[in-house]
N, C-alpha and C. Protein backbone atom coordinates (compact mmCIF):
# COMPACT_ATOMS: atom_id res chain seq x y z
N MET A 1 -58.43 12.83 -15.86
CA MET A 1 -58.85 12.30 -14.28
C MET A 1 -57.91 12.42 -12.87
N VAL A 2 -56.87 12.78 -13.22
CA VAL A 2 -55.46 12.77 -12.23
C VAL A 2 -55.75 14.63 -12.21
N ASN A 3 -55.99 15.10 -12.62
CA ASN A 3 -55.63 16.54 -12.30
C ASN A 3 -56.95 17.25 -11.80
N VAL A 4 -58.27 16.66 -11.73
CA VAL A 4 -59.33 16.84 -11.26
C VAL A 4 -59.48 16.35 -9.95
N VAL A 5 -58.72 15.38 -9.81
CA VAL A 5 -58.22 14.77 -8.02
C VAL A 5 -57.31 15.98 -7.32
N LYS A 6 -56.29 16.13 -8.43
CA LYS A 6 -55.41 17.32 -7.63
C LYS A 6 -55.77 18.53 -7.22
N GLU A 7 -56.91 18.73 -8.00
CA GLU A 7 -57.67 20.09 -7.77
C GLU A 7 -58.08 20.14 -6.49
N LYS A 8 -59.00 19.45 -6.05
CA LYS A 8 -59.53 19.61 -5.23
C LYS A 8 -58.63 18.81 -3.64
N ILE A 9 -57.84 18.17 -4.28
CA ILE A 9 -56.56 17.88 -2.91
C ILE A 9 -56.00 19.12 -2.68
N ASN A 10 -55.64 19.74 -3.63
CA ASN A 10 -54.89 21.18 -3.50
C ASN A 10 -55.95 21.99 -2.74
N GLU A 11 -57.06 22.23 -3.02
CA GLU A 11 -58.55 22.99 -2.49
C GLU A 11 -58.67 22.42 -0.69
N TYR A 12 -58.12 21.09 -0.36
CA TYR A 12 -58.13 20.70 0.91
C TYR A 12 -57.49 20.85 1.56
N LEU A 13 -56.15 20.80 1.11
CA LEU A 13 -54.93 21.15 1.92
C LEU A 13 -54.83 22.52 1.59
N GLY A 14 -55.41 23.47 1.05
CA GLY A 14 -55.39 24.90 1.43
C GLY A 14 -56.24 25.47 2.39
N VAL A 15 -57.55 24.90 2.37
CA VAL A 15 -58.61 25.15 3.57
C VAL A 15 -57.84 24.55 5.18
N LEU A 16 -56.97 23.42 4.83
CA LEU A 16 -55.99 23.31 6.24
C LEU A 16 -54.82 24.23 6.19
N ASN A 17 -54.35 24.77 5.44
CA ASN A 17 -53.29 25.21 5.25
C ASN A 17 -52.15 24.68 5.30
N LEU A 18 -52.01 23.46 4.84
CA LEU A 18 -50.88 22.14 5.11
C LEU A 18 -50.28 22.71 3.72
N PRO A 19 -49.16 21.79 3.44
CA PRO A 19 -48.34 21.76 2.37
C PRO A 19 -48.63 20.59 1.50
N MET A 20 -48.22 20.64 0.51
CA MET A 20 -48.85 19.31 -0.85
C MET A 20 -47.86 18.26 -0.39
N ASP A 21 -46.62 18.25 0.39
CA ASP A 21 -45.98 16.91 0.75
C ASP A 21 -46.53 16.16 1.89
N VAL A 22 -47.66 16.45 2.13
CA VAL A 22 -48.68 15.77 3.36
C VAL A 22 -49.05 14.94 2.41
N LEU A 23 -49.37 14.58 1.55
CA LEU A 23 -50.25 13.73 0.30
C LEU A 23 -48.96 13.27 -0.61
N ILE A 24 -49.43 12.00 -1.07
CA ILE A 24 -48.80 11.59 -2.40
C ILE A 24 -49.73 10.98 -3.00
N ILE A 25 -50.09 11.50 -3.96
CA ILE A 25 -51.05 11.44 -5.14
C ILE A 25 -50.40 10.14 -5.98
N ASN A 26 -50.94 9.20 -6.12
CA ASN A 26 -50.06 8.39 -7.15
C ASN A 26 -50.48 8.01 -8.63
N SER A 27 -50.04 7.62 -9.72
CA SER A 27 -50.60 7.39 -11.02
C SER A 27 -51.48 6.47 -10.74
N PRO A 28 -53.00 6.82 -11.79
CA PRO A 28 -54.11 5.87 -12.15
C PRO A 28 -53.36 4.55 -12.11
N TYR A 29 -54.21 3.09 -11.49
CA TYR A 29 -53.65 1.96 -11.76
C TYR A 29 -54.93 1.14 -12.54
N ASP A 30 -54.00 0.75 -13.80
CA ASP A 30 -55.03 0.17 -14.27
C ASP A 30 -55.73 -1.37 -14.10
N ILE A 31 -57.22 -1.62 -13.26
CA ILE A 31 -57.06 -2.86 -12.77
C ILE A 31 -57.00 -4.04 -13.50
N VAL A 32 -57.35 -3.94 -14.75
CA VAL A 32 -57.40 -5.05 -16.26
C VAL A 32 -55.88 -5.04 -16.26
N LEU A 33 -55.00 -3.98 -16.62
CA LEU A 33 -53.92 -4.35 -17.09
C LEU A 33 -52.62 -4.10 -15.81
N ASP A 34 -52.82 -3.65 -14.49
CA ASP A 34 -52.02 -3.90 -13.44
C ASP A 34 -52.05 -4.49 -12.50
N TYR A 35 -53.17 -5.20 -12.09
CA TYR A 35 -53.42 -5.94 -10.90
C TYR A 35 -52.75 -7.82 -11.63
N GLN A 36 -51.98 -7.81 -10.74
CA GLN A 36 -51.05 -8.97 -10.56
C GLN A 36 -50.73 -8.59 -8.91
N LYS A 37 -50.12 -10.07 -8.58
CA LYS A 37 -49.85 -10.21 -7.36
C LYS A 37 -48.46 -9.46 -7.24
N LYS A 38 -47.59 -9.49 -8.14
CA LYS A 38 -46.38 -8.77 -7.72
C LYS A 38 -46.31 -7.30 -7.86
N LYS A 39 -47.45 -6.81 -8.54
CA LYS A 39 -47.62 -5.19 -8.81
C LYS A 39 -48.23 -4.72 -7.41
N VAL A 40 -47.97 -3.60 -6.91
CA VAL A 40 -48.49 -3.05 -5.52
C VAL A 40 -48.90 -2.03 -5.94
N TRP A 41 -50.22 -1.40 -4.96
CA TRP A 41 -50.71 -0.18 -4.92
C TRP A 41 -49.48 0.78 -4.49
N GLY A 42 -50.17 1.82 -4.83
CA GLY A 42 -49.07 3.24 -4.88
C GLY A 42 -49.43 3.88 -3.07
N SER A 43 -48.26 3.79 -2.45
CA SER A 43 -48.69 3.51 -0.84
C SER A 43 -49.34 2.69 -0.45
N ALA A 44 -49.06 1.34 -0.71
CA ALA A 44 -49.72 0.17 -0.32
C ALA A 44 -49.81 0.10 1.16
N ASN A 45 -48.94 0.44 1.87
CA ASN A 45 -48.78 0.51 3.54
C ASN A 45 -49.13 1.64 4.17
N ASP A 46 -49.59 2.39 3.15
CA ASP A 46 -49.80 3.75 4.25
C ASP A 46 -51.47 3.77 4.19
N ALA A 47 -51.71 5.12 5.06
CA ALA A 47 -53.04 4.92 5.30
C ALA A 47 -53.38 6.43 3.94
N GLY A 48 -54.74 6.16 3.73
CA GLY A 48 -54.86 7.26 2.70
C GLY A 48 -56.12 7.09 2.43
N VAL A 49 -56.29 7.54 0.84
CA VAL A 49 -57.65 7.43 0.22
C VAL A 49 -57.60 6.62 -1.23
N TYR A 50 -58.68 5.89 -1.36
CA TYR A 50 -58.48 5.36 -3.05
C TYR A 50 -59.42 5.57 -3.66
N ILE A 51 -59.93 6.28 -5.01
CA ILE A 51 -61.11 6.61 -5.72
C ILE A 51 -61.34 5.44 -6.86
N PHE A 52 -61.88 4.69 -7.04
CA PHE A 52 -62.60 3.92 -7.96
C PHE A 52 -63.10 4.56 -9.08
N PHE A 53 -62.44 4.68 -10.85
CA PHE A 53 -62.93 5.28 -11.75
C PHE A 53 -63.30 4.14 -12.53
N SER A 54 -64.65 4.77 -13.31
CA SER A 54 -65.23 4.01 -14.88
C SER A 54 -64.25 4.08 -15.76
N SER A 55 -64.71 3.38 -16.84
CA SER A 55 -63.74 3.26 -17.88
C SER A 55 -63.85 4.79 -18.73
N GLY A 56 -65.14 5.28 -18.46
CA GLY A 56 -65.31 6.46 -18.92
C GLY A 56 -64.86 7.87 -17.87
N GLU A 57 -64.05 6.91 -16.68
CA GLU A 57 -63.26 8.47 -15.99
C GLU A 57 -64.46 8.84 -15.23
N GLU A 58 -65.60 8.38 -15.06
CA GLU A 58 -66.40 8.79 -13.83
C GLU A 58 -66.17 8.23 -12.39
N ILE A 59 -66.08 9.07 -11.77
CA ILE A 59 -65.79 8.51 -9.98
C ILE A 59 -66.89 7.27 -9.64
N LEU A 60 -66.58 6.26 -9.83
CA LEU A 60 -67.51 5.12 -9.11
C LEU A 60 -67.78 5.62 -7.60
N TYR A 61 -66.73 5.40 -6.73
CA TYR A 61 -66.66 5.25 -5.30
C TYR A 61 -65.16 6.01 -4.61
N ILE A 62 -65.11 6.74 -3.94
CA ILE A 62 -64.20 7.00 -2.62
C ILE A 62 -64.41 6.27 -1.58
N GLY A 63 -62.93 5.76 -0.98
CA GLY A 63 -63.08 5.10 0.39
C GLY A 63 -61.47 5.72 1.25
N HIS A 64 -61.36 5.44 2.51
CA HIS A 64 -60.00 5.49 2.68
C HIS A 64 -59.90 4.48 3.74
N SER A 65 -58.44 4.00 4.54
CA SER A 65 -58.06 2.99 5.00
C SER A 65 -56.93 3.49 5.56
N MET A 66 -56.10 2.73 6.47
CA MET A 66 -55.41 3.03 7.48
C MET A 66 -54.10 2.42 6.82
N ASN A 67 -54.33 1.16 5.83
CA ASN A 67 -53.26 0.31 5.08
C ASN A 67 -54.05 0.18 3.71
N ILE A 68 -53.77 1.18 3.02
CA ILE A 68 -54.42 0.86 1.34
C ILE A 68 -54.52 -0.49 0.44
N GLY A 69 -52.91 -0.83 0.54
CA GLY A 69 -52.86 -2.30 -0.01
C GLY A 69 -53.95 -3.17 0.64
N GLN A 70 -53.86 -3.48 1.97
CA GLN A 70 -54.65 -4.30 2.40
C GLN A 70 -56.54 -3.94 2.54
N ARG A 71 -56.77 -2.87 2.49
CA ARG A 71 -58.23 -2.64 1.65
C ARG A 71 -58.35 -2.77 0.26
N LEU A 72 -57.46 -2.69 -0.44
CA LEU A 72 -57.88 -2.41 -1.94
C LEU A 72 -58.02 -4.15 -2.34
N GLY A 73 -57.38 -4.87 -1.52
CA GLY A 73 -56.91 -6.63 -1.58
C GLY A 73 -58.00 -7.42 -0.61
N LYS A 74 -59.30 -6.39 -0.67
CA LYS A 74 -60.42 -7.04 -0.01
C LYS A 74 -61.26 -6.89 -1.16
N TYR A 75 -61.10 -5.78 -2.18
CA TYR A 75 -62.07 -5.65 -3.27
C TYR A 75 -62.20 -6.15 -4.51
N PHE A 76 -60.72 -6.77 -4.84
CA PHE A 76 -60.52 -7.60 -6.05
C PHE A 76 -59.54 -8.71 -5.85
N TYR A 77 -59.64 -9.67 -6.72
CA TYR A 77 -59.16 -10.99 -6.43
C TYR A 77 -58.45 -11.11 -8.00
N ILE A 78 -57.53 -12.20 -8.10
CA ILE A 78 -57.17 -12.24 -9.32
C ILE A 78 -57.95 -12.86 -10.30
N GLY A 79 -58.09 -12.60 -11.54
CA GLY A 79 -58.76 -13.78 -12.37
C GLY A 79 -57.81 -14.37 -13.25
N GLU A 80 -58.54 -15.22 -14.28
CA GLU A 80 -57.96 -15.92 -14.87
C GLU A 80 -56.98 -15.49 -15.69
N ASN A 81 -57.00 -13.95 -16.27
CA ASN A 81 -55.73 -13.37 -16.99
C ASN A 81 -54.90 -12.69 -16.25
N GLY A 82 -55.00 -12.68 -14.91
CA GLY A 82 -53.95 -11.96 -14.14
C GLY A 82 -54.99 -10.57 -13.81
N SER A 83 -56.07 -10.09 -14.54
CA SER A 83 -56.26 -8.72 -13.90
C SER A 83 -57.60 -8.91 -12.47
N GLY A 84 -57.66 -7.43 -12.29
CA GLY A 84 -58.32 -7.55 -10.45
C GLY A 84 -59.50 -7.76 -11.21
N LYS A 85 -60.87 -8.90 -10.55
CA LYS A 85 -62.03 -9.07 -10.64
C LYS A 85 -62.28 -8.49 -9.47
N PRO A 86 -63.83 -7.65 -9.56
CA PRO A 86 -64.39 -7.35 -8.20
C PRO A 86 -64.94 -8.44 -7.07
N MET A 87 -64.56 -8.06 -5.97
CA MET A 87 -65.15 -9.35 -4.88
C MET A 87 -66.45 -8.53 -4.19
N VAL A 88 -67.02 -7.39 -4.43
CA VAL A 88 -67.87 -6.45 -3.65
C VAL A 88 -68.48 -5.50 -4.69
N PRO A 89 -69.86 -4.93 -4.52
CA PRO A 89 -70.21 -4.28 -5.06
C PRO A 89 -69.97 -2.96 -5.73
N ASN A 90 -69.18 -2.34 -4.63
CA ASN A 90 -68.62 -1.17 -5.13
C ASN A 90 -67.33 -1.06 -5.95
N ALA A 91 -66.66 -2.58 -6.22
CA ALA A 91 -65.77 -2.77 -7.49
C ALA A 91 -66.23 -3.07 -8.75
N ILE A 92 -67.36 -3.38 -8.63
CA ILE A 92 -67.96 -3.37 -10.05
C ILE A 92 -67.60 -2.40 -10.78
N ASN A 93 -67.54 -2.93 -12.41
CA ASN A 93 -67.17 -1.95 -13.34
C ASN A 93 -65.65 -0.60 -13.09
N VAL A 94 -64.93 -1.19 -12.09
CA VAL A 94 -63.89 -0.33 -12.06
C VAL A 94 -62.59 -0.58 -13.00
N LYS A 95 -62.49 0.51 -13.49
CA LYS A 95 -61.40 0.65 -14.55
C LYS A 95 -59.95 0.77 -13.95
N TRP A 96 -60.09 1.78 -13.09
CA TRP A 96 -59.24 2.91 -12.80
C TRP A 96 -59.33 2.75 -11.06
N VAL A 97 -57.67 3.33 -10.20
CA VAL A 97 -57.88 3.30 -9.36
C VAL A 97 -56.72 4.35 -8.94
N ILE A 98 -57.13 5.55 -8.34
CA ILE A 98 -56.06 6.48 -8.04
C ILE A 98 -55.96 5.99 -6.22
N THR A 99 -54.99 5.91 -5.98
CA THR A 99 -54.65 6.15 -4.46
C THR A 99 -53.91 7.58 -4.11
N ILE A 100 -54.14 8.08 -2.69
CA ILE A 100 -53.41 9.02 -2.06
C ILE A 100 -53.15 8.52 -0.89
N GLY A 101 -51.43 8.61 -1.15
CA GLY A 101 -51.40 8.31 0.54
C GLY A 101 -50.79 9.34 1.29
N VAL A 102 -51.13 9.28 2.58
CA VAL A 102 -50.81 10.16 3.83
C VAL A 102 -49.68 9.89 4.55
N ASN A 103 -48.66 11.12 4.38
CA ASN A 103 -47.92 11.20 5.41
C ASN A 103 -48.41 10.43 6.38
N SER A 104 -46.93 9.12 7.25
CA SER A 104 -47.29 9.09 8.21
C SER A 104 -47.38 10.06 9.54
N LYS A 105 -47.17 10.60 9.66
CA LYS A 105 -47.20 11.70 10.87
C LYS A 105 -48.50 12.37 10.62
N TYR A 106 -49.47 12.51 9.75
CA TYR A 106 -50.78 12.85 9.14
C TYR A 106 -51.82 11.77 9.22
N TRP A 107 -51.65 10.59 8.99
CA TRP A 107 -52.36 9.48 8.79
C TRP A 107 -53.74 9.52 9.58
N PHE A 108 -54.10 10.81 10.42
CA PHE A 108 -55.51 11.06 11.04
C PHE A 108 -56.34 11.94 9.88
N LEU A 109 -55.55 12.18 8.90
CA LEU A 109 -56.32 13.17 7.81
C LEU A 109 -57.33 12.11 6.80
N ALA A 110 -56.44 10.94 6.66
CA ALA A 110 -57.49 10.04 5.45
C ALA A 110 -58.83 10.07 5.93
N PRO A 111 -59.83 10.02 6.76
CA PRO A 111 -60.97 9.97 6.94
C PRO A 111 -61.46 11.27 6.59
N SER A 112 -61.22 12.43 6.82
CA SER A 112 -61.54 13.55 6.52
C SER A 112 -61.13 14.10 4.95
N LEU A 113 -59.96 13.53 4.42
CA LEU A 113 -59.70 13.45 3.13
C LEU A 113 -61.10 12.93 2.23
N GLU A 114 -61.32 11.63 2.68
CA GLU A 114 -62.34 10.77 1.98
C GLU A 114 -63.87 11.62 2.22
N TYR A 115 -64.12 12.24 2.95
CA TYR A 115 -65.64 13.17 3.26
C TYR A 115 -65.12 13.96 2.40
N PHE A 116 -64.46 14.79 2.57
CA PHE A 116 -64.16 16.18 1.94
C PHE A 116 -64.36 15.91 0.19
N LEU A 117 -63.95 14.69 -0.32
CA LEU A 117 -63.82 14.15 -1.90
C LEU A 117 -64.93 13.62 -1.87
N ILE A 118 -65.95 12.78 -1.22
CA ILE A 118 -67.59 12.62 -1.29
C ILE A 118 -68.13 13.57 -1.82
N ASP A 119 -67.96 14.94 -0.44
CA ASP A 119 -68.38 16.13 -0.69
C ASP A 119 -68.62 16.93 -2.08
N LYS A 120 -67.05 16.81 -2.48
CA LYS A 120 -66.94 17.80 -3.97
C LYS A 120 -67.48 17.02 -5.05
N PHE A 121 -67.19 15.43 -5.15
CA PHE A 121 -67.42 14.76 -6.23
C PHE A 121 -68.43 13.94 -6.34
N GLN A 122 -69.13 13.89 -4.91
CA GLN A 122 -70.93 13.05 -4.78
C GLN A 122 -70.67 12.04 -5.78
N PRO A 123 -69.60 10.99 -5.76
CA PRO A 123 -70.12 9.67 -6.44
C PRO A 123 -71.37 8.75 -6.03
N GLN A 124 -72.29 8.53 -6.96
CA GLN A 124 -73.20 7.52 -6.47
C GLN A 124 -73.07 6.58 -5.44
N ARG A 125 -72.26 5.49 -5.42
CA ARG A 125 -71.82 4.60 -4.86
C ARG A 125 -71.17 5.16 -2.99
N ASN A 126 -71.12 5.77 -2.87
CA ASN A 126 -71.08 6.75 -1.53
C ASN A 126 -72.21 7.43 -1.31
N LYS A 127 -73.58 7.13 -1.84
CA LYS A 127 -75.04 8.11 -1.26
C LYS A 127 -75.16 7.57 0.10
N ASN A 128 -74.86 7.07 1.03
CA ASN A 128 -75.15 6.81 2.28
C ASN A 128 -74.05 7.96 3.14
N ILE A 129 -72.62 7.79 2.88
CA ILE A 129 -72.02 8.65 3.70
C ILE A 129 -72.57 10.34 3.01
N ARG A 130 -72.52 10.64 1.96
CA ARG A 130 -73.24 11.70 1.42
C ARG A 130 -74.39 12.39 2.65
N ASN A 131 -75.34 11.02 2.51
CA ASN A 131 -76.57 11.49 3.31
C ASN A 131 -76.50 12.11 4.75
N GLN A 132 -75.31 11.32 5.35
CA GLN A 132 -74.85 11.67 6.70
C GLN A 132 -73.98 13.00 6.93
N LEU A 133 -73.37 13.25 5.40
CA LEU A 133 -72.80 14.71 5.56
C LEU A 133 -73.57 16.16 5.65
N LYS A 134 -75.11 15.91 5.47
CA LYS A 134 -75.86 16.72 5.15
C LYS A 134 -76.60 17.16 6.71
């Protein structure tokens, strides 16, 4: 899961001739086990991209935000067992989330990285954006 994302991010950075330290790829976050108020998303206060994966590690949705933590807080709420429960359709059946923080000097890269990854992975839940890219 992470290796496939890293491969595409390296491709993105290569096209733009940027160093790897422009982005921070955070460890996968298990929505069922890790989602609690005390636990924060990787790069929570940064601009960046988030990727939703199913339990079978299929990419479900890719999005970007100027504040990853705030955005992801709008997708999930804490369920009875402390796990993340979906609040919107794009969060249904999400098992894993990977966040990619963008160095604050390069905050403007978040939307272009999102579009690049959508084009490369073509997740079903991003089909409206994919149609705009054609």
